[in-house]
Protein backbone atom coordinates (compact mmCIF):
# COMPACT_ATOMS: atom_id res chain seq x y z
CA MET A 1 -3.73 -7.52 -26.59
CA LYS A 2 -3.99 -8.36 -30.55
CA PRO A 3 -5.95 -11.50 -31.67
CA TYR A 4 -3.14 -13.51 -32.34
CA GLN A 5 -1.74 -13.39 -28.75
CA THR A 6 -5.08 -14.13 -27.37
CA THR A 7 -4.92 -17.44 -29.31
CA LEU A 8 -1.62 -18.08 -28.69
CA LEU A 9 -2.48 -17.46 -24.89
CA SER A 10 -5.40 -19.45 -24.79
CA SER A 11 -3.30 -22.58 -26.45
CA LEU A 12 -0.30 -22.06 -24.31
CA LEU A 13 -2.74 -22.37 -20.73
CA ILE A 14 -4.87 -25.32 -22.03
CA THR A 15 -1.35 -27.40 -22.63
CA CYS A 16 -0.09 -26.03 -19.55
CA LEU A 17 -3.21 -26.72 -17.53
CA SER A 18 -3.85 -30.35 -18.58
CA ALA A 19 -0.58 -31.34 -16.99
CA CYS A 20 -1.74 -29.33 -13.49
CA GLN A 21 -4.80 -31.01 -13.31
CA THR A 22 -4.06 -32.91 -10.22
CA GLN A 23 -3.27 -29.68 -8.43
CA VAL A 24 -6.65 -28.12 -9.01
CA LYS A 25 -8.85 -31.25 -8.54
CA THR A 26 -12.05 -29.51 -7.78
CA SER A 27 -12.36 -27.52 -10.47
CA PRO A 28 -12.16 -27.59 -14.28
CA THR A 29 -9.28 -26.99 -15.99
CA THR A 30 -11.33 -24.76 -18.43
CA ASP A 31 -12.16 -22.42 -15.62
CA VAL A 32 -8.49 -21.18 -14.98
CA VAL A 33 -8.42 -20.16 -18.84
CA LYS A 34 -11.49 -18.19 -18.45
CA LEU A 35 -10.60 -16.84 -15.57
CA GLN A 36 -7.43 -15.23 -17.11
CA GLN A 37 -9.39 -14.52 -20.41
CA ALA A 38 -12.27 -12.68 -18.66
CA ALA A 39 -9.83 -10.47 -16.86
CA LEU A 40 -7.79 -9.63 -19.78
CA SER A 41 -10.72 -8.47 -21.76
CA SER A 42 -12.67 -6.51 -19.01
CA GLN A 43 -12.48 -3.43 -17.99
CA LEU A 44 -14.34 -3.88 -14.78
CA GLY A 45 -11.09 -3.31 -13.09
CA TYR A 46 -10.50 0.12 -14.23
CA ASP A 47 -14.27 1.03 -14.16
CA LEU A 48 -13.55 0.64 -10.63
CA VAL A 49 -10.97 2.88 -9.68
CA GLU A 50 -12.30 5.37 -12.11
CA SER A 51 -15.57 5.46 -10.12
CA LEU A 52 -13.51 5.54 -6.71
CA THR A 53 -10.98 8.45 -7.51
CA VAL A 54 -14.09 10.29 -9.25
CA GLU A 55 -17.08 10.16 -7.25
CA VAL A 56 -14.92 9.96 -4.02
CA GLY A 57 -11.63 11.15 -4.39
CA PRO A 58 -8.84 11.62 -1.60
CA ARG A 59 -10.82 9.65 1.30
CA LEU A 60 -7.97 10.08 4.56
CA ALA A 61 -9.15 8.33 7.25
CA GLY A 62 -11.16 10.43 9.84
CA SER A 63 -12.60 12.65 7.20
CA PRO A 64 -15.98 12.81 6.00
CA LYS A 65 -14.63 11.58 2.60
CA ASP A 66 -13.41 8.06 4.41
CA ILE A 67 -17.25 7.77 5.27
CA ILE A 68 -18.02 8.85 1.97
CA ALA A 69 -15.44 5.83 0.63
CA VAL A 70 -16.51 3.42 2.79
CA ASN A 71 -20.52 3.73 1.72
CA TRP A 72 -19.14 3.70 -1.97
CA ALA A 73 -17.70 0.39 -1.04
CA MET A 74 -20.45 -0.77 0.41
CA ASN A 75 -23.17 0.05 -2.68
CA LYS A 76 -20.49 -0.89 -5.48
CA LEU A 77 -19.79 -4.51 -3.63
CA THR A 78 -23.18 -5.28 -3.19
CA SER A 79 -24.16 -4.08 -6.95
CA LEU A 80 -21.76 -6.73 -7.98
CA GLY A 81 -23.85 -9.48 -6.30
CA PHE A 82 -21.09 -10.94 -4.09
CA ASP A 83 -22.47 -13.62 -1.78
CA ARG A 84 -22.32 -11.87 1.42
CA VAL A 85 -21.05 -7.57 2.09
CA TYR A 86 -20.71 -6.22 5.55
CA LYS A 87 -18.50 -3.87 7.19
CA GLU A 88 -16.87 -3.86 10.75
CA PRO A 89 -15.79 -0.53 12.68
CA VAL A 90 -12.43 0.65 13.09
CA GLN A 91 -11.20 3.26 15.47
CA VAL A 92 -9.32 6.13 13.60
CA PRO A 93 -7.61 9.39 14.59
CA ILE A 94 -8.96 12.62 12.83
CA TRP A 95 -6.06 15.02 11.49
CA GLU A 96 -6.38 17.65 9.23
CA ARG A 97 -3.14 19.28 7.01
CA GLY A 98 -3.83 22.78 6.80
CA GLU A 99 -1.39 24.78 5.24
CA ALA A 100 2.34 24.24 5.17
CA ASN A 101 5.02 27.03 3.80
CA ALA A 102 8.30 27.32 3.84
CA ARG A 103 11.07 29.57 2.15
CA ILE A 104 14.63 30.31 2.69
CA ILE A 105 14.98 34.08 4.54
CA ALA A 106 19.01 33.99 4.62
CA PRO A 107 21.54 34.48 2.58
CA VAL A 108 18.78 35.05 0.02
CA GLU A 109 14.77 34.52 -0.18
CA GLN A 110 13.72 31.48 -1.77
CA PRO A 111 10.12 30.14 -1.54
CA LEU A 112 10.05 25.96 -0.98
CA VAL A 113 7.62 23.40 -1.51
CA ILE A 114 6.72 21.49 1.21
CA THR A 115 3.96 19.55 2.92
CA ALA A 116 2.98 18.65 6.28
CA LEU A 117 3.47 14.95 7.69
CA GLY A 118 0.72 13.07 8.70
CA GLY A 119 0.17 13.60 12.35
CA SER A 120 2.20 16.19 12.53
CA ILE A 121 1.54 19.10 15.19
CA ALA A 122 1.32 22.88 14.12
CA THR A 123 4.25 25.57 14.17
CA PRO A 124 3.57 28.50 16.39
CA SER A 125 1.16 30.77 14.51
CA SER A 126 4.26 33.10 14.07
CA GLY A 127 6.04 30.19 12.34
CA ILE A 128 9.19 28.97 13.24
CA GLN A 129 12.82 30.56 11.89
CA ALA A 130 16.10 28.95 12.49
CA GLN A 131 19.24 27.56 11.09
CA ILE A 132 19.22 24.51 9.28
CA ALA A 133 21.14 21.81 10.42
CA ARG A 134 21.43 19.13 7.23
CA PHE A 135 22.32 15.19 7.62
CA ASP A 136 22.71 12.70 5.12
CA SER A 137 20.16 10.00 7.37
CA LEU A 138 18.47 9.35 10.33
CA GLU A 139 21.64 7.33 11.03
CA ALA A 140 23.54 10.68 10.81
CA LEU A 141 21.06 12.62 12.73
CA GLN A 142 21.30 9.75 15.77
CA GLN A 143 24.85 10.12 15.77
CA ALA A 144 24.96 13.65 16.01
CA ARG A 145 26.18 16.15 19.10
CA PRO A 146 23.21 17.93 20.47
CA GLU A 147 24.83 21.01 20.27
CA MET A 148 24.60 20.57 16.23
CA VAL A 149 20.90 20.27 16.33
CA GLU A 150 19.76 22.50 19.31
CA GLY A 151 17.38 25.42 18.40
CA LYS A 152 17.77 24.33 14.46
CA ILE A 153 15.47 22.94 12.08
CA ALA A 154 16.82 19.02 11.39
CA PHE A 155 17.08 18.38 7.54
CA ILE A 156 17.26 14.92 6.83
CA ASP A 157 18.45 14.85 3.39
CA GLN A 158 18.51 11.30 1.97
CA LYS A 159 17.62 10.39 -1.31
CA THR A 160 15.17 7.41 -2.23
CA GLU A 161 16.83 5.01 -4.29
CA ARG A 162 14.72 3.42 -7.75
CA HIS A 163 14.21 0.03 -7.86
CA ILE A 164 11.81 -2.37 -9.54
CA THR A 165 10.85 -3.74 -5.81
CA GLY A 166 10.19 -0.54 -4.15
CA GLU A 167 13.20 -1.47 -1.64
CA GLY A 168 14.71 2.14 -1.62
CA TYR A 169 11.52 3.21 0.06
CA GLY A 170 12.14 1.10 3.14
CA LYS A 171 15.71 2.35 3.37
CA SER A 172 14.71 6.18 3.45
CA VAL A 173 11.36 5.89 5.31
CA GLY A 174 12.55 5.75 8.65
CA GLY A 175 13.51 9.70 8.35
CA ARG A 176 9.63 10.29 8.12
CA SER A 177 8.17 7.93 10.72
CA LYS A 178 10.96 8.35 13.16
CA GLY A 179 13.00 11.82 12.62
CA ALA A 180 10.83 13.57 14.51
CA VAL A 181 11.31 11.99 17.74
CA VAL A 182 15.20 11.89 17.40
CA ALA A 183 15.60 15.59 16.23
CA ALA A 184 13.44 16.60 19.26
CA GLN A 185 15.48 14.63 21.67
CA LYS A 186 18.90 16.47 20.08
CA GLY A 187 16.88 19.84 20.95
CA ALA A 188 15.52 20.50 17.42
CA VAL A 189 12.71 23.15 17.21
CA ALA A 190 11.45 21.37 13.71
CA ILE A 191 12.28 18.80 11.06
CA VAL A 192 12.19 18.71 7.19
CA ILE A 193 12.89 15.91 5.24
CA ARG A 194 13.83 15.38 1.63
CA SER A 195 10.51 13.69 0.35
CA ILE A 196 10.35 9.83 0.00
CA GLY A 197 10.26 9.74 -3.54
CA THR A 198 12.17 9.14 -6.88
CA ASP A 199 10.74 11.97 -8.44
CA HIS A 200 12.05 14.99 -9.86
CA ASP A 201 8.79 17.09 -9.90
CA ARG A 202 8.33 20.12 -7.68
CA MET A 203 5.97 18.34 -4.95
CA ALA A 204 6.26 17.33 -1.57
CA HIS A 205 5.34 13.57 -0.71
CA THR A 206 3.54 13.62 2.52
CA GLY A 207 3.36 10.31 4.92
CA VAL A 208 2.48 9.17 8.31
CA MET A 209 5.10 10.16 11.31
CA ARG A 210 5.07 9.18 14.96
CA TYR A 211 5.83 10.98 18.14
CA GLN A 212 6.70 9.15 21.05
CA ASP A 213 5.56 10.01 24.66
CA GLY A 214 8.03 11.50 26.81
CA VAL A 215 9.36 13.52 23.87
CA PRO A 216 8.82 17.28 23.26
CA GLN A 217 6.96 17.17 19.62
CA ILE A 218 8.13 19.52 16.97
CA PRO A 219 6.15 20.05 13.46
CA ALA A 220 7.52 17.90 10.64
CA ALA A 221 7.62 18.18 7.04
CA ALA A 222 8.41 16.87 3.52
CA MET A 223 10.12 19.17 1.15
CA SER A 224 9.90 18.51 -2.92
CA ASN A 225 13.37 16.93 -4.28
CA PRO A 226 13.94 19.92 -5.93
CA ASP A 227 13.84 21.99 -3.18
CA ALA A 228 15.66 19.83 -1.22
CA ASP A 229 18.86 20.38 -4.01
CA LEU A 230 18.16 23.80 -3.74
CA VAL A 231 18.64 24.01 0.01
CA ASN A 232 21.67 22.13 -0.73
CA ALA A 233 23.01 24.39 -3.01
CA LEU A 234 22.24 27.37 -0.56
CA LEU A 235 24.15 25.67 2.35
CA LYS A 236 27.30 25.13 0.27
CA ARG A 237 27.41 29.11 -0.29
CA ASP A 238 25.90 29.77 3.42
CA PRO A 239 26.35 26.92 6.13
CA ASN A 240 24.21 29.06 8.56
CA ALA A 241 21.22 29.84 6.13
CA ILE A 242 18.13 30.37 7.65
CA LEU A 243 14.63 28.64 7.18
CA GLU A 244 11.08 29.86 7.63
CA LEU A 245 8.50 27.58 8.46
CA TYR A 246 4.65 27.81 8.99
CA MET A 247 2.19 24.87 9.16
CA SER A 248 -1.26 24.62 11.01
CA PRO A 249 -2.39 20.95 11.29
CA LYS A 250 -4.84 19.78 13.79
CA ASN A 251 -5.51 16.98 15.54
CA LEU A 252 -9.05 16.48 16.47
CA GLY A 253 -9.73 13.37 18.35
CA PHE A 254 -11.29 10.03 16.91
CA ASN A 255 -13.52 8.91 14.59
CA THR A 256 -15.12 5.28 13.24
CA SER A 257 -14.32 4.09 9.95
CA TYR A 258 -14.96 0.69 8.71
CA ASN A 259 -13.14 -2.50 7.01
CA VAL A 260 -15.30 -3.57 4.23
CA ILE A 261 -15.88 -6.96 3.54
CA ALA A 262 -17.20 -9.11 0.22
CA GLU A 263 -17.13 -12.89 0.13
CA VAL A 264 -17.82 -15.53 -2.85
CA THR A 265 -18.98 -18.58 -0.55
CA GLY A 266 -17.15 -21.94 -1.30
CA SER A 267 -18.72 -24.39 -2.56
CA SER A 268 -17.40 -27.41 -0.15
CA LYS A 269 -15.54 -25.17 2.22
CA PRO A 270 -17.00 -22.36 2.97
CA ASN A 271 -15.40 -21.88 6.38
CA GLU A 272 -12.07 -21.81 5.39
CA ILE A 273 -10.90 -18.38 3.71
CA VAL A 274 -8.60 -17.03 0.81
CA LEU A 275 -8.44 -13.51 1.41
CA ILE A 276 -7.52 -10.99 -0.81
CA SER A 277 -6.93 -7.27 0.09
CA ALA A 278 -6.52 -3.78 -0.42
CA HIS A 279 -6.64 -0.24 1.67
CA LEU A 280 -9.70 1.84 1.04
CA ASP A 281 -8.12 5.19 2.56
CA SER A 282 -5.80 7.43 0.95
CA TRP A 283 -3.91 10.49 1.59
CA ASP A 284 -5.85 13.55 1.12
CA GLU A 285 -3.89 15.45 -1.85
CA GLY A 286 -3.97 13.39 -4.63
CA THR A 287 -7.11 11.26 -5.96
CA GLY A 288 -5.94 7.83 -4.39
CA ALA A 289 -5.55 6.42 -7.67
CA ILE A 290 -2.13 4.08 -7.38
CA ASP A 291 -2.42 4.16 -3.66
CA ASP A 292 -4.56 2.39 -3.35
CA GLY A 293 -7.59 2.74 -5.64
CA ALA A 294 -5.98 0.57 -8.06
CA GLY A 295 -5.47 -2.30 -5.35
CA VAL A 296 -9.08 -1.94 -4.23
CA ALA A 297 -10.32 -2.24 -7.91
CA ILE A 298 -7.87 -5.36 -8.34
CA VAL A 299 -9.06 -7.66 -5.63
CA THR A 300 -12.37 -6.74 -6.21
CA ALA A 301 -12.74 -7.30 -9.94
CA ALA A 302 -10.72 -10.56 -9.35
CA ALA A 303 -13.26 -11.74 -6.90
CA LYS A 304 -16.01 -10.88 -8.97
CA HIS A 305 -14.60 -12.81 -12.31
CA ILE A 306 -14.46 -15.69 -9.69
CA GLN A 307 -18.02 -14.94 -8.40
CA ASP A 308 -19.20 -15.24 -12.11
CA LEU A 309 -18.05 -18.69 -12.55
CA PRO A 310 -21.07 -21.44 -13.10
CA ILE A 311 -19.16 -23.20 -10.37
CA LYS A 312 -17.93 -21.64 -7.04
CA PRO A 313 -14.30 -23.02 -5.62
CA ALA A 314 -14.08 -25.03 -2.59
CA ARG A 315 -13.14 -22.49 -0.03
CA THR A 316 -14.70 -18.95 0.50
CA VAL A 317 -13.00 -16.17 -1.47
CA ARG A 318 -13.08 -12.89 1.05
CA VAL A 319 -12.18 -9.55 0.00
CA VAL A 320 -11.21 -6.74 2.55
CA LEU A 321 -11.35 -3.25 1.91
CA TYR A 322 -9.12 -2.31 4.96
CA ALA A 323 -9.28 1.24 6.60
CA ALA A 324 -6.72 3.54 7.80
CA GLU A 325 -3.77 1.77 6.40
CA GLU A 326 -1.89 5.24 5.65
CA ILE A 327 -1.89 5.91 9.47
CA GLY A 328 -0.57 2.93 10.68
CA LEU A 329 -1.96 -0.25 9.28
CA MET A 330 -5.11 0.37 11.58
CA GLY A 331 -7.59 -1.49 9.67
CA GLY A 332 -5.58 -4.61 9.45
CA LYS A 333 -4.68 -4.55 12.83
CA ALA A 334 -8.36 -4.11 13.69
CA TYR A 335 -9.36 -7.45 11.35
CA ALA A 336 -6.88 -9.43 12.76
CA LYS A 337 -7.97 -8.66 16.16
CA ALA A 338 -11.59 -9.46 15.16
CA HIS A 339 -10.94 -12.65 13.41
CA LYS A 340 -8.57 -13.85 16.07
CA ALA A 341 -10.80 -16.91 16.17
CA GLU A 342 -11.03 -17.52 12.75
CA LEU A 343 -7.51 -17.19 12.03
CA PRO A 344 -6.43 -20.94 11.55
CA LEU A 345 -9.23 -21.34 8.71
CA HIS A 346 -7.53 -18.51 6.94
CA TYR A 347 -5.91 -20.82 4.18
CA ILE A 348 -3.98 -17.68 2.65
CA ALA A 349 -3.80 -14.33 2.38
CA ALA A 350 -2.09 -11.75 0.18
CA GLU A 351 -2.62 -7.71 -0.32
CA SER A 352 -2.46 -5.47 -3.30
CA ASP A 353 -0.83 -2.41 -2.15
CA PHE A 354 1.83 -1.23 -5.13
CA GLY A 355 -0.08 0.66 -7.63
CA ALA A 356 -0.79 -0.79 -11.03
CA GLY A 357 2.14 -2.33 -12.40
CA ARG A 358 2.35 -5.55 -14.35
CA ILE A 359 2.86 -8.28 -11.66
CA TYR A 360 6.07 -9.86 -12.70
CA GLN A 361 6.74 -12.86 -9.57
CA ILE A 362 4.50 -14.34 -7.06
CA ASP A 363 6.34 -14.82 -3.79
CA THR A 364 4.58 -17.11 -0.74
CA LYS A 365 5.31 -17.89 2.97
CA VAL A 366 3.78 -21.02 3.62
CA ASN A 367 5.66 -24.21 5.54
CA GLU A 368 8.27 -25.41 3.80
CA SER A 369 7.09 -28.87 3.46
CA ALA A 370 4.39 -27.20 1.10
CA PHE A 371 6.27 -24.78 -0.88
CA ALA A 372 7.17 -26.74 -3.86
CA ALA A 373 3.36 -28.09 -4.12
CA VAL A 374 1.85 -24.70 -4.17
CA GLN A 375 4.64 -23.13 -6.72
CA LYS A 376 3.32 -26.27 -8.82
CA ALA A 377 -0.35 -25.42 -8.54
CA LEU A 378 0.49 -21.91 -9.30
CA SER A 379 2.54 -22.34 -12.57
CA PRO A 380 -0.20 -21.76 -14.93
CA MET A 381 0.15 -17.96 -13.62
CA SER A 382 3.59 -18.27 -15.29
CA PHE A 383 1.10 -17.41 -18.80
CA ASN A 384 0.52 -14.09 -17.55
CA GLY A 385 3.76 -13.30 -17.10
CA VAL A 386 4.10 -13.82 -13.67
CA VAL A 387 7.39 -15.94 -12.63
CA LEU A 388 7.33 -18.37 -9.50
CA GLY A 389 9.38 -16.74 -6.61
CA ASN A 390 10.67 -17.76 -3.42
CA ASN A 391 8.87 -18.36 0.00
CA GLN A 392 9.78 -14.97 1.89
CA ALA A 393 6.78 -12.88 1.22
CA SER A 394 5.45 -10.46 3.81
CA GLY A 395 1.90 -10.60 1.83
CA GLY A 396 1.60 -6.54 1.83
CA PRO A 397 1.22 -4.11 4.84
CA ASP A 398 -2.47 -4.49 6.23
CA VAL A 399 -1.46 -8.52 6.27
CA SER A 400 2.03 -8.33 7.43
CA MET A 401 1.00 -9.51 10.63
CA LEU A 402 -0.25 -12.68 9.89
CA PRO A 403 2.29 -14.82 9.12
CA ALA A 404 2.92 -14.23 12.92
CA LEU A 405 -0.33 -15.41 14.01
CA GLY A 406 -0.13 -18.69 11.73
CA VAL A 407 -1.72 -17.37 8.53
CA PRO A 408 0.50 -18.12 5.25
CA VAL A 409 0.55 -15.43 2.63
CA ALA A 410 1.55 -14.39 -0.46
CA SER A 411 3.36 -11.38 -2.68
CA LEU A 412 2.21 -10.56 -6.16
CA ARG A 413 5.25 -8.53 -7.19
CA GLN A 414 4.43 -5.67 -9.09
CA ASP A 415 6.80 -3.30 -11.00
CA GLY A 416 7.32 -0.58 -8.90
CA HIS A 417 10.01 1.34 -11.10
CA ASP A 418 7.40 4.47 -10.83
CA TYR A 419 5.64 4.02 -8.14
CA PHE A 420 7.58 6.43 -5.96
CA TYR A 421 7.19 8.91 -8.59
CA TYR A 422 3.65 9.55 -7.45
CA HIS A 423 3.21 8.23 -4.12
CA HIS A 424 1.50 10.21 -1.48
CA THR A 425 1.59 13.38 -3.88
CA PRO A 426 -0.95 15.69 -5.76
CA ASN A 427 -0.13 13.60 -8.75
CA ASP A 428 -1.49 10.31 -7.67
CA THR A 429 -4.30 10.60 -10.30
CA LEU A 430 -6.22 8.19 -12.19
CA ASP A 431 -4.28 9.01 -15.61
CA LYS A 432 -1.13 7.23 -14.12
CA ILE A 433 -2.74 3.93 -14.51
CA ASP A 434 -2.39 1.73 -17.49
CA PRO A 435 -5.65 -0.30 -18.19
CA ALA A 436 -4.00 -2.97 -19.62
CA ALA A 437 -1.27 -3.54 -16.66
CA LEU A 438 -4.25 -2.99 -14.54
CA ALA A 439 -6.02 -5.77 -15.98
CA GLN A 440 -3.13 -8.18 -16.22
CA ASN A 441 -3.21 -7.84 -12.16
CA VAL A 442 -6.67 -8.45 -12.12
CA ALA A 443 -5.78 -12.05 -13.92
CA ALA A 444 -3.16 -12.83 -11.93
CA TYR A 445 -5.37 -11.94 -8.56
CA ALA A 446 -8.17 -14.23 -10.15
CA GLN A 447 -6.07 -16.97 -11.10
CA PHE A 448 -4.24 -17.14 -7.69
CA ALA A 449 -7.59 -16.85 -5.25
CA TYR A 450 -9.37 -19.51 -7.64
CA ILE A 451 -6.35 -21.89 -7.29
CA MET A 452 -5.65 -21.47 -3.71
CA ALA A 453 -9.52 -21.68 -3.23
CA ASN A 454 -9.62 -25.10 -4.49
CA SER A 455 -5.88 -26.55 -3.43
CA THR A 456 -5.74 -29.88 -2.09
CA THR A 457 -2.21 -28.81 -0.21
CA THR A 458 -2.36 -28.71 3.70
CA LEU A 459 -0.99 -24.80 4.08
CA THR A 460 -2.25 -23.87 7.49
CA PRO A 461 -1.39 -23.11 10.21
CA LEU A 462 2.17 -21.80 9.30
CA ILE A 463 5.09 -22.88 11.45
CA VAL A 464 6.59 -20.18 12.67
CA SER A 465 10.12 -20.28 13.82
CA SER A 466 11.31 -18.79 17.08
CA THR A 467 14.61 -17.49 15.45
CA LYS A 468 15.75 -15.05 13.01
């Protein structure tokens, strides 16, 4: 940021906040200005994600690196001087990726780039050789006659659409999570999906898949987008093309991981909580920079800037670094269960889990009677490039179950145009993070948490409608 831009930004903030003082009665206007300026001029967020990716790296839940990440977080949060740092146990499955190889063996030989989907079983040691049954989507597979699939390798070839919101992921991810069950019900011997990604790199995107009791388990893999294109071209030449697949993942029982928690104790309402969060685990192929090292850095740095203020906000700001999000929101579910009695004291919750793209909008899910007041209180965030959005937020994956339990949430929307280029691949590395964009995220979360921690508007409990 240029010096004249910083001066203009400060001037605009002071002008706006002088009109908004009634919304943040317990904090001086200058603190909100200082938070943004401190975050935009600080490299703390980048230093944190750099430390996590370099000193720990891949940290699959249940693996030895997972516990190294927990220890890293405990040490880092303690060294940053938070008022309280602790951890809570979470039981997680242990899964090892092993090898994954594939090739077309007829009508011609062509090697393919694949990766096992998280939780998949292995193929037989001799591999699988079978014809390919191609489908445009999970829905097309669901509608297929069993004789079209039986004895074959099902191939879901749905492309992921690119959007700023990442909404294309939601349209295609069902093939990854549910495809193995549907394919097995129709007699498939394995399933391969086109990677859930918007890139053109020859890298496959992993991600969790699910089995279902009573349905045979079959191996499940993802194929790089260029290789999916190659398979399509071969199928046009020979609809009976044969794929050879070999995979050796293992499921090895369970282990104990932890949610790691830090707090900035509230000055006058310490039992009420503003929760900002991210997940600590990552997949095992990249270094977990955008997913979700960035989120860990954003919420930790934001809370640290609040911790360093001379006067603490009224409510406690709680940072939660969740365990095992990637394999099924296990840390989020464990937190909701462990803190069930305390949930009515959760004023609002949010999670950063969409990389490090700039935040362009803030949505909430609060009681409709409070929505206008909350938007007015959050209006200073507009000078950080954040517009006020709607009242239909989910809050992020690990907090998505909280609205049904009465907890209001907010979603700080990040620019996700490029997120699914790198998501769940070896390409999820530190160089994908723009330090300036990361600092803008830290500023937004710091202001959000501070304003909410001082808000005088009644939000909880959230009134949950029984109708859809």
